[in-house]
Amino acid sequence: MIEDEPNLVTSGKSQHVIIDGFPFSIEIYRLEQDKTWTLEVVDHEGTSHVWDDQFASDKDARITAIQAIEAAGAVAFMRGDNVIPFRKN
């Protein structure tokens, strides 16, 4: 018997923003059966910044992303220690 993969729910709070002249993609998502949200920010170089903590609401996740980028500054945020660059095709 093949089990179906759970559906991924993308929040309507996901958005593209420009901070300090740099574009960022704020991605907020969860598995269909989960109650908490995952936050991922992808910078203009395709580097993914994923939070370890889960969020009770998608609104909280979006606010956290924007505050984190603005507090550090776009360049400092992109050069953070906990980043995983995507492979470019």
C-alpha atoms as a PDB file:
ATOM      1  CA  MET A   1       0.000   0.000   0.000  1.00  0.00           C
ATOM      2  CA  ILE A   2       1.411   3.396  -1.006  1.00  0.00           C
ATOM      3  CA  GLU A   3       0.834   6.201   1.453  1.00  0.00           C
ATOM      4  CA  ASP A   4       0.146   9.670   0.122  1.00  0.00           C
ATOM      5  CA  GLU A   5       2.580  12.449   0.868  1.00  0.00           C
ATOM      6  CA  PRO A   6       1.085  15.115   3.136  1.00  0.00           C
ATOM      7  CA  ASN A   7       0.009  18.311   1.400  1.00  0.00           C
ATOM      8  CA  LEU A   8       2.121  21.432   1.859  1.00  0.00           C
ATOM      9  CA  VAL A   9       0.145  24.558   2.705  1.00  0.00           C
ATOM     10  CA  THR A  10       1.708  27.864   1.655  1.00  0.00           C
ATOM     11  CA  SER A  11       0.573  30.899   3.608  1.00  0.00           C
ATOM     12  CA  GLY A  12      -0.955  33.924   1.953  1.00  0.00           C
ATOM     13  CA  LYS A  13       1.459  35.899   4.171  1.00  0.00           C
ATOM     14  CA  SER A  14       4.386  34.684   2.037  1.00  0.00           C
ATOM     15  CA  GLN A  15       5.710  37.604   0.042  1.00  0.00           C
ATOM     16  CA  HIS A  16       8.598  39.225  -1.807  1.00  0.00           C
ATOM     17  CA  VAL A  17      10.131  42.269  -0.113  1.00  0.00           C
ATOM     18  CA  ILE A  18      12.996  44.632  -0.835  1.00  0.00           C
ATOM     19  CA  ILE A  19      15.055  45.694   2.163  1.00  0.00           C
ATOM     20  CA  ASP A  20      18.109  47.947   1.849  1.00  0.00           C
ATOM     21  CA  GLY A  21      17.815  47.512  -1.926  1.00  0.00           C
ATOM     22  CA  PHE A  22      18.010  43.700  -1.833  1.00  0.00           C
ATOM     23  CA  PRO A  23      15.107  41.394  -2.750  1.00  0.00           C
ATOM     24  CA  PHE A  24      14.056  38.646  -0.354  1.00  0.00           C
ATOM     25  CA  SER A  25      11.426  35.959  -0.708  1.00  0.00           C
ATOM     26  CA  ILE A  26       9.642  35.247   2.576  1.00  0.00           C
ATOM     27  CA  GLU A  27       8.199  31.729   2.417  1.00  0.00           C
ATOM     28  CA  ILE A  28       5.837  30.559   5.161  1.00  0.00           C
ATOM     29  CA  TYR A  29       4.456  27.047   5.006  1.00  0.00           C
ATOM     30  CA  ARG A  30       3.276  24.021   6.999  1.00  0.00           C
ATOM     31  CA  LEU A  31       2.175  20.471   6.431  1.00  0.00           C
ATOM     32  CA  GLU A  32      -1.591  20.194   6.098  1.00  0.00           C
ATOM     33  CA  GLN A  33      -2.032  18.329   9.380  1.00  0.00           C
ATOM     34  CA  ASP A  34       0.330  20.605  11.365  1.00  0.00           C
ATOM     35  CA  LYS A  35      -0.759  23.639  13.351  1.00  0.00           C
ATOM     36  CA  THR A  36       2.576  25.488  13.354  1.00  0.00           C
ATOM     37  CA  TRP A  37       4.301  27.335  10.520  1.00  0.00           C
ATOM     38  CA  THR A  38       7.849  27.111   9.148  1.00  0.00           C
ATOM     39  CA  LEU A  39       9.677  30.267   8.076  1.00  0.00           C
ATOM     40  CA  GLU A  40      12.200  30.404   5.252  1.00  0.00           C
ATOM     41  CA  VAL A  41      13.781  33.489   3.704  1.00  0.00           C
ATOM     42  CA  VAL A  42      15.568  33.169   0.363  1.00  0.00           C
ATOM     43  CA  ASP A  43      17.904  36.008  -0.560  1.00  0.00           C
ATOM     44  CA  HIS A  44      18.786  37.302  -4.043  1.00  0.00           C
ATOM     45  CA  GLU A  45      21.685  34.828  -4.317  1.00  0.00           C
ATOM     46  CA  GLY A  46      19.330  31.881  -3.732  1.00  0.00           C
ATOM     47  CA  THR A  47      20.558  31.248  -0.200  1.00  0.00           C
ATOM     48  CA  SER A  48      17.949  29.779   2.137  1.00  0.00           C
ATOM     49  CA  HIS A  49      17.671  30.992   5.727  1.00  0.00           C
ATOM     50  CA  VAL A  50      15.366  28.643   7.676  1.00  0.00           C
ATOM     51  CA  TRP A  51      14.298  29.261  11.267  1.00  0.00           C
ATOM     52  CA  ASP A  52      14.599  26.317  13.670  1.00  0.00           C
ATOM     53  CA  ASP A  53      11.612  27.541  15.661  1.00  0.00           C
ATOM     54  CA  GLN A  54       8.058  26.987  14.491  1.00  0.00           C
ATOM     55  CA  PHE A  55       5.461  29.764  14.623  1.00  0.00           C
ATOM     56  CA  ALA A  56       1.923  29.658  16.003  1.00  0.00           C
ATOM     57  CA  SER A  57       0.707  31.956  13.228  1.00  0.00           C
ATOM     58  CA  ASP A  58       1.835  32.856   9.746  1.00  0.00           C
ATOM     59  CA  LYS A  59       1.563  36.522  10.715  1.00  0.00           C
ATOM     60  CA  ASP A  60       4.113  36.029  13.517  1.00  0.00           C
ATOM     61  CA  ALA A  61       6.456  34.311  11.064  1.00  0.00           C
ATOM     62  CA  ARG A  62       6.246  37.176   8.541  1.00  0.00           C
ATOM     63  CA  ILE A  63       6.837  39.811  11.223  1.00  0.00           C
ATOM     64  CA  THR A  64       9.833  37.864  12.534  1.00  0.00           C
ATOM     65  CA  ALA A  65      11.389  37.635   9.068  1.00  0.00           C
ATOM     66  CA  ILE A  66      11.086  41.333   8.335  1.00  0.00           C
ATOM     67  CA  GLN A  67      12.324  42.331  11.790  1.00  0.00           C
ATOM     68  CA  ALA A  68      15.323  39.982  11.534  1.00  0.00           C
ATOM     69  CA  ILE A  69      16.411  41.348   8.156  1.00  0.00           C
ATOM     70  CA  GLU A  70      15.893  44.979   9.167  1.00  0.00           C
ATOM     71  CA  ALA A  71      17.626  44.553  12.553  1.00  0.00           C
ATOM     72  CA  ALA A  72      20.752  42.960  11.074  1.00  0.00           C
ATOM     73  CA  GLY A  73      20.670  44.902   7.816  1.00  0.00           C
ATOM     74  CA  ALA A  74      20.264  43.091   4.516  1.00  0.00           C
ATOM     75  CA  VAL A  75      23.962  42.478   3.857  1.00  0.00           C
ATOM     76  CA  ALA A  76      24.699  41.235   7.387  1.00  0.00           C
ATOM     77  CA  PHE A  77      21.610  39.017   7.311  1.00  0.00           C
ATOM     78  CA  MET A  78      22.719  37.411   4.038  1.00  0.00           C
ATOM     79  CA  ARG A  79      26.180  36.715   5.468  1.00  0.00           C
ATOM     80  CA  GLY A  80      24.790  34.962   8.544  1.00  0.00           C
ATOM     81  CA  ASP A  81      26.386  31.794   9.905  1.00  0.00           C
ATOM     82  CA  ASN A  82      23.392  29.492   9.450  1.00  0.00           C
ATOM     83  CA  VAL A  83      22.878  29.518   5.675  1.00  0.00           C
ATOM     84  CA  ILE A  84      22.663  26.811   3.045  1.00  0.00           C
ATOM     85  CA  PRO A  85      23.246  28.016  -0.526  1.00  0.00           C
ATOM     86  CA  PHE A  86      21.047  26.424  -3.181  1.00  0.00           C
ATOM     87  CA  ARG A  87      22.839  24.868  -6.110  1.00  0.00           C
ATOM     88  CA  LYS A  88      22.483  26.949  -9.227  1.00  0.00           C
ATOM     89  CA  ASN A  89      21.342  24.938 -12.228  1.00  0.00           C
END
